[in-house]
Amino acid sequence: MKKLICEADVLALARQGQRTLYISSSALITPAAADAAAAGDIEVVREEALSDCRGYCPPGAGTIGDGVGTTGYGAKTTADGAGTTGYGAGTTGCAVKTTGDGVGTTGCGAKTTVDGVGTTVCVAKTTADGVDSELIYKALQAMASKMLIDGIWDEPKACSDLPYKSECDPAGLKIVRGGSVQMEFLDTGNPNNDVHYQELISSSDSKLMNAGFLEINQCSFNWEVACDEMYYVVQGSLSITVGGKQYTAVSGDVVNLPVGHTVVFSAPSRAKLFYAIKAAD
């Protein structure tokens, strides 16, 4: 049976301060009702005009229709309708839910008040993909605080009790701030030698190698190569004597020393090296 919209319906809507009359495509509106709508600057919107909705979206409170608890199609005030899709009190019209199980989903009607008064129909999605990112962020925060997703939420943390500043990640990443490294004296057998070092990557960081800084300042000493070693000259120059022959590496050069040799390291001025050696078996 078709719904008949008469002048009295339009006047009642005007008294409520509404400026839009939503009716179904099958509803009939009398000439007097149409004139009253035009005179009251009330827009008449039929079902087919709601092109953004998937199917017909019953309008919210303040429309003309057969809704429960209002003069329109929707906004139920009963518990069984609250927060549901479609005709629910405080919902966002025809599908846009405001409850936790459907925040930001696509639909029509996005109400801004509990009873739906003064809202529009067929609002755009809250985000491009229909997902409320803020809600997801808060949910993940809550889960992380209860250790339900331990490890996923972790951010890089400073490694503690070390003679340098660094950041460590549970995945094994480690970043050492080179300017913060505190060097330690290296005993070469001669207490007058100005040689210092600091190990930055240890067995707790890697099973394959150890690495760190080595500084030699205006001295020379014998060095037994107990495992494969590699050096990168960061600053200055380094002389290496092996088998009676001397070689010189300068800033930017790389030195490789295989296990089983005894060499002589010497530096005419301050030389800073980065070393990487094979971890002990």
Foldseek 3Di string as FASTA:
>chain_A
DAAEAELVQQVVLVVVVAQEEEDEPRHHYDPNNVVNSVVSNHHYHYQVNLVLADHGWWAFASYDDDPAPGNGNAQHPDPVQDQDAGRHFQQQTHQQGPDPVHHQAAAWRHAPDRRRPPTGIRDGTPDPVSDDVVSVVVVVVVCVVVVVPPQPPDDWDWDPDFQFTWTAHPVLDIGTDVVRHDWDDDCQPDPVWRKTWGWDADCVRDVWKTKTKIKGAQDKGKDAAAAKKKKAWQAAKKWKAFPNDIDIDHHGDMDIDHHDTMIMIGGRGIIMMMMMTTDDD
